[in-house]
Amino acid sequence: MCSRYEAPTPERLQEEFGVEFDAQEKLELWPGYAGPFLRKPRNVDPYDDAVLPFEAEVGVFGLLPFWADKKLARSTYNARSETASVKRSFREAWKKAQHCIIPAVAIYEPDWRTGV
């Protein structure tokens, strides 16, 4: 399971997705850190060609319900499809089909054999 990733620069987001995004403080993101995500624009006509297909927002790495403390992100950054619909941390977002794209330049997996 991914434990950290590298976010793209604002220039790369503009180049790849055509979205404006303010400068990102940190590019190497761990659970609980803020980073960019892309979603469909809210309250727009999906057939309006003048509207970009995505908007960039800032979110916390880890799914955080409205009632949760930011520290919970350390244990809610991965979900199993078999249990996401029933786990308290994920079920409301799952029910509402709240999806987004997390742009990443690199994803880092821990090597449990070496501890790195």
Protein backbone atom coordinates (compact mmCIF):
# COMPACT_ATOMS: atom_id res chain seq x y z
CA MET A 1 0.00 0.00 0.00
CA CYS A 2 1.30 3.41 -0.98
CA SER A 3 2.62 5.36 1.99
CA ARG A 4 3.84 8.50 0.19
CA TYR A 5 3.85 10.05 -3.23
CA GLU A 6 5.30 12.95 -5.17
CA ALA A 7 2.81 15.56 -6.37
CA PRO A 8 3.30 17.34 -9.71
CA THR A 9 4.36 20.96 -9.87
CA PRO A 10 1.69 23.57 -10.68
CA GLU A 11 3.28 23.91 -14.14
CA ARG A 12 2.93 20.18 -14.76
CA LEU A 13 -0.73 20.24 -13.67
CA GLN A 14 -1.35 23.06 -16.13
CA GLU A 15 0.48 21.20 -18.90
CA GLU A 16 -1.16 17.79 -18.35
CA PHE A 17 -4.69 18.69 -17.19
CA GLY A 18 -5.13 22.35 -18.16
CA VAL A 19 -5.91 23.43 -14.59
CA GLU A 20 -4.65 26.40 -12.61
CA PHE A 21 -3.17 25.58 -9.22
CA ASP A 22 -1.37 27.79 -6.73
CA ALA A 23 2.18 26.94 -5.75
CA GLN A 24 2.51 23.68 -3.87
CA GLU A 25 4.60 23.96 -0.70
CA LYS A 26 5.65 20.33 -0.53
CA LEU A 27 5.86 17.91 -3.41
CA GLU A 28 6.68 14.79 -1.35
CA LEU A 29 3.43 13.97 0.41
CA TRP A 30 2.76 11.63 3.33
CA PRO A 31 -0.62 10.81 4.93
CA GLY A 32 -2.00 13.96 6.55
CA TYR A 33 -0.15 16.34 4.18
CA ALA A 34 -2.10 18.67 1.88
CA GLY A 35 -1.80 18.18 -1.86
CA PRO A 36 -3.68 18.71 -5.11
CA PHE A 37 -6.59 16.65 -6.34
CA LEU A 38 -8.76 16.99 -9.42
CA ARG A 39 -12.52 16.68 -9.64
CA LYS A 40 -15.36 17.60 -11.95
CA PRO A 41 -16.38 21.25 -11.50
CA ARG A 42 -19.40 21.70 -9.26
CA ASN A 43 -22.72 23.13 -10.48
CA VAL A 44 -21.86 23.38 -14.16
CA ASP A 45 -23.53 22.09 -17.28
CA PRO A 46 -21.59 18.93 -18.27
CA TYR A 47 -22.25 19.75 -21.94
CA ASP A 48 -20.77 23.26 -21.77
CA ASP A 49 -17.58 23.13 -23.85
CA ALA A 50 -16.28 26.37 -22.28
CA VAL A 51 -15.89 24.69 -18.88
CA LEU A 52 -12.70 22.74 -18.20
CA PRO A 53 -13.31 19.05 -17.46
CA PHE A 54 -11.47 19.32 -14.11
CA GLU A 55 -10.85 21.77 -11.31
CA ALA A 56 -7.89 21.55 -8.95
CA GLU A 57 -8.42 21.72 -5.20
CA VAL A 58 -6.31 21.12 -2.10
CA GLY A 59 -7.05 18.10 0.03
CA VAL A 60 -5.48 15.96 2.72
CA PHE A 61 -3.75 12.71 1.74
CA GLY A 62 -6.10 10.25 3.46
CA LEU A 63 -9.87 10.23 3.38
CA LEU A 64 -11.08 12.32 6.30
CA PRO A 65 -14.76 12.38 7.25
CA PHE A 66 -16.06 15.78 8.40
CA TRP A 67 -16.01 14.59 12.02
CA ALA A 68 -12.41 13.38 12.00
CA ASP A 69 -9.22 14.87 13.39
CA LYS A 70 -6.38 15.36 10.88
CA LYS A 71 -4.35 12.65 12.67
CA LEU A 72 -6.82 10.03 11.41
CA ALA A 73 -5.36 10.49 7.91
CA ARG A 74 -2.48 8.21 8.94
CA SER A 75 -4.89 5.29 9.09
CA THR A 76 -7.42 6.21 6.38
CA TYR A 77 -5.27 6.59 3.28
CA ASN A 78 -6.07 3.08 2.04
CA ALA A 79 -9.43 1.34 1.81
CA ARG A 80 -10.47 -2.11 0.70
CA SER A 81 -13.22 -2.23 -1.87
CA GLU A 82 -14.82 -5.09 0.07
CA THR A 83 -15.31 -2.97 3.22
CA ALA A 84 -15.31 0.69 2.07
CA SER A 85 -19.11 0.78 1.95
CA VAL A 86 -19.43 -0.20 5.62
CA LYS A 87 -16.41 1.32 7.39
CA ARG A 88 -17.33 4.50 9.26
CA SER A 89 -14.44 6.46 7.72
CA PHE A 90 -15.41 5.69 4.13
CA ARG A 91 -19.10 4.79 3.87
CA GLU A 92 -20.59 8.29 3.32
CA ALA A 93 -18.12 9.17 0.55
CA TRP A 94 -18.69 5.71 -0.96
CA LYS A 95 -22.48 6.15 -0.83
CA LYS A 96 -22.29 9.55 -2.55
CA ALA A 97 -19.81 8.25 -5.18
CA GLN A 98 -17.36 11.04 -4.35
CA HIS A 99 -14.47 10.40 -6.71
CA CYS A 100 -11.39 12.40 -7.61
CA ILE A 101 -8.06 12.06 -9.37
CA ILE A 102 -4.88 12.27 -7.31
CA PRO A 103 -2.16 13.40 -9.71
CA ALA A 104 1.18 11.81 -8.88
CA VAL A 105 4.61 11.94 -10.48
CA ALA A 106 5.85 9.00 -8.39
CA ILE A 107 4.36 6.59 -5.87
CA TYR A 108 6.62 5.08 -3.21
CA GLU A 109 6.00 1.70 -1.65
CA PRO A 110 7.82 0.64 1.49
CA ASP A 111 10.17 -2.30 1.16
CA TRP A 112 9.20 -4.44 4.14
CA ARG A 113 12.24 -6.69 3.65
CA THR A 114 14.77 -3.90 4.23
CA GLY A 115 12.66 -1.53 6.34
CA VAL A 116 13.09 1.32 3.86
